[in-house]
Amino acid sequence: MIEVALATADDFDKPPPYRCRAYAVKKDGRVIGIGGLGFPQGGPVWMWAEITDELRAHPVALHKVGKRVVADAEAMGIRRMYATTAMGFDAAERWIKRLGFTEAAETVEGKKVHVWHAL
């Protein structure tokens, strides 16, 4: 059974490098994915995720969590956020676009940058 809950410190392999609001996706009590909103000090808000192949096998759950993170951003009054996808990873690019992101004209560490704007 797939469970989704706000992440706790125990759900991370290592502490995140910045403040975040994250969700842990668990299967049989094991974390199979984690992601949410990241708030780097002095920088813009980023939507991030660590997605395993095991979680990719549950695309509906993955998409629902992504939609929940976008809804959280809207509820928090966030007007713009960014996300990256690996170059050439077409499925990730289709998914991030379904969440309302558009491709920005830049890359970061060899990844495509996408931006989301509140309506």
Protein backbone atom coordinates (compact mmCIF):
# COMPACT_ATOMS: atom_id res chain seq x y z
CA MET A 1 0.00 0.00 0.00
CA ILE A 2 1.21 3.51 -0.88
CA GLU A 3 1.16 6.13 1.89
CA VAL A 4 1.90 9.84 1.59
CA ALA A 5 2.60 12.03 4.61
CA LEU A 6 4.59 15.10 5.52
CA ALA A 7 8.21 14.03 5.76
CA THR A 8 10.03 13.88 9.08
CA ALA A 9 13.77 14.05 9.65
CA ASP A 10 13.85 10.23 9.73
CA ASP A 11 12.55 10.05 6.14
CA PHE A 12 15.67 11.72 4.69
CA ASP A 13 18.86 9.78 3.90
CA LYS A 14 20.75 12.94 4.84
CA PRO A 15 19.49 16.31 6.07
CA PRO A 16 18.44 18.67 3.26
CA PRO A 17 20.81 21.60 2.63
CA TYR A 18 18.01 24.12 3.16
CA ARG A 19 14.62 24.53 4.84
CA CYS A 20 11.91 22.54 3.11
CA ARG A 21 8.34 21.29 3.28
CA ALA A 22 8.41 17.76 1.97
CA TYR A 23 6.26 14.70 1.54
CA ALA A 24 7.48 11.15 1.93
CA VAL A 25 5.92 8.46 -0.24
CA LYS A 26 6.13 5.10 1.49
CA LYS A 27 5.38 1.56 0.44
CA ASP A 28 5.19 -1.05 3.18
CA GLY A 29 6.79 1.46 5.55
CA ARG A 30 9.81 2.13 3.27
CA VAL A 31 10.43 5.56 1.70
CA ILE A 32 10.30 5.15 -2.08
CA GLY A 33 10.26 8.86 -2.86
CA ILE A 34 10.49 12.23 -1.18
CA GLY A 35 9.99 15.75 -2.43
CA GLY A 36 8.39 19.09 -1.93
CA LEU A 37 9.27 22.75 -1.70
CA GLY A 38 12.80 23.91 -0.98
CA PHE A 39 13.63 27.33 0.42
CA PRO A 40 17.34 28.05 -0.10
CA GLN A 41 18.47 31.04 1.93
CA GLY A 42 18.37 34.16 -0.23
CA GLY A 43 17.22 32.27 -3.31
CA PRO A 44 14.00 31.41 -5.10
CA VAL A 45 11.68 28.56 -4.12
CA TRP A 46 12.38 25.22 -5.80
CA MET A 47 10.14 22.20 -6.23
CA TRP A 48 12.35 19.13 -5.86
CA ALA A 49 11.97 15.37 -5.70
CA GLU A 50 13.99 12.22 -5.23
CA ILE A 51 12.03 9.64 -7.21
CA THR A 52 12.90 5.97 -7.33
CA ASP A 53 11.97 3.51 -10.07
CA GLU A 54 9.68 1.91 -7.51
CA LEU A 55 7.72 5.16 -7.21
CA ARG A 56 7.71 5.63 -11.00
CA ALA A 57 5.74 2.38 -11.13
CA HIS A 58 2.92 4.31 -9.37
CA PRO A 59 2.42 7.30 -11.71
CA VAL A 60 -0.98 8.28 -10.28
CA ALA A 61 0.42 8.54 -6.75
CA LEU A 62 3.44 10.46 -8.05
CA HIS A 63 1.25 12.95 -9.90
CA LYS A 64 -1.07 13.44 -6.92
CA VAL A 65 1.89 14.31 -4.70
CA GLY A 66 3.17 16.74 -7.33
CA LYS A 67 -0.23 18.41 -7.50
CA ARG A 68 -0.31 18.60 -3.69
CA VAL A 69 3.07 20.37 -3.64
CA VAL A 70 1.85 22.91 -6.22
CA ALA A 71 -1.31 23.44 -4.14
CA ASP A 72 0.87 23.98 -1.05
CA ALA A 73 2.85 26.62 -2.94
CA GLU A 74 -0.33 28.41 -3.94
CA ALA A 75 -1.70 28.25 -0.37
CA MET A 76 1.56 29.69 0.96
CA GLY A 77 1.30 32.63 -1.43
CA ILE A 78 4.30 31.59 -3.52
CA ARG A 79 4.07 33.40 -6.86
CA ARG A 80 6.95 31.66 -8.68
CA MET A 81 9.00 28.52 -8.21
CA TYR A 82 11.52 26.54 -10.19
CA ALA A 83 12.25 22.88 -10.89
CA THR A 84 14.81 20.99 -12.95
CA THR A 85 14.65 17.87 -15.09
CA ALA A 86 17.47 15.78 -16.48
CA MET A 87 18.37 16.59 -20.08
CA GLY A 88 16.66 14.17 -22.46
CA PHE A 89 14.31 12.73 -19.81
CA ASP A 90 11.12 13.21 -21.81
CA ALA A 91 8.77 11.66 -19.23
CA ALA A 92 9.95 14.09 -16.54
CA GLU A 93 9.49 17.03 -18.89
CA ARG A 94 5.94 15.94 -19.78
CA TRP A 95 5.12 15.50 -16.08
CA ILE A 96 6.51 18.86 -14.96
CA LYS A 97 4.54 20.57 -17.76
CA ARG A 98 1.33 18.87 -16.56
CA LEU A 99 2.00 20.47 -13.17
CA GLY A 100 1.98 23.90 -14.81
CA PHE A 101 5.69 24.55 -15.32
CA THR A 102 7.15 25.99 -18.51
CA GLU A 103 10.70 25.56 -19.73
CA ALA A 104 13.04 28.44 -18.91
CA ALA A 105 15.86 29.41 -21.25
CA GLU A 106 18.59 28.18 -18.92
CA THR A 107 20.20 25.11 -17.40
CA VAL A 108 21.66 24.36 -13.98
CA GLU A 109 24.32 21.68 -13.56
CA GLY A 110 23.36 20.11 -16.89
CA LYS A 111 19.63 20.03 -16.12
CA LYS A 112 16.80 21.93 -17.78
CA VAL A 113 15.19 24.60 -15.61
CA HIS A 114 11.41 25.00 -15.54
CA VAL A 115 9.42 27.81 -13.94
CA TRP A 116 5.91 27.91 -12.47
CA HIS A 117 3.93 31.11 -11.98
CA ALA A 118 0.82 31.48 -9.83
CA LEU A 119 -2.24 32.57 -11.77
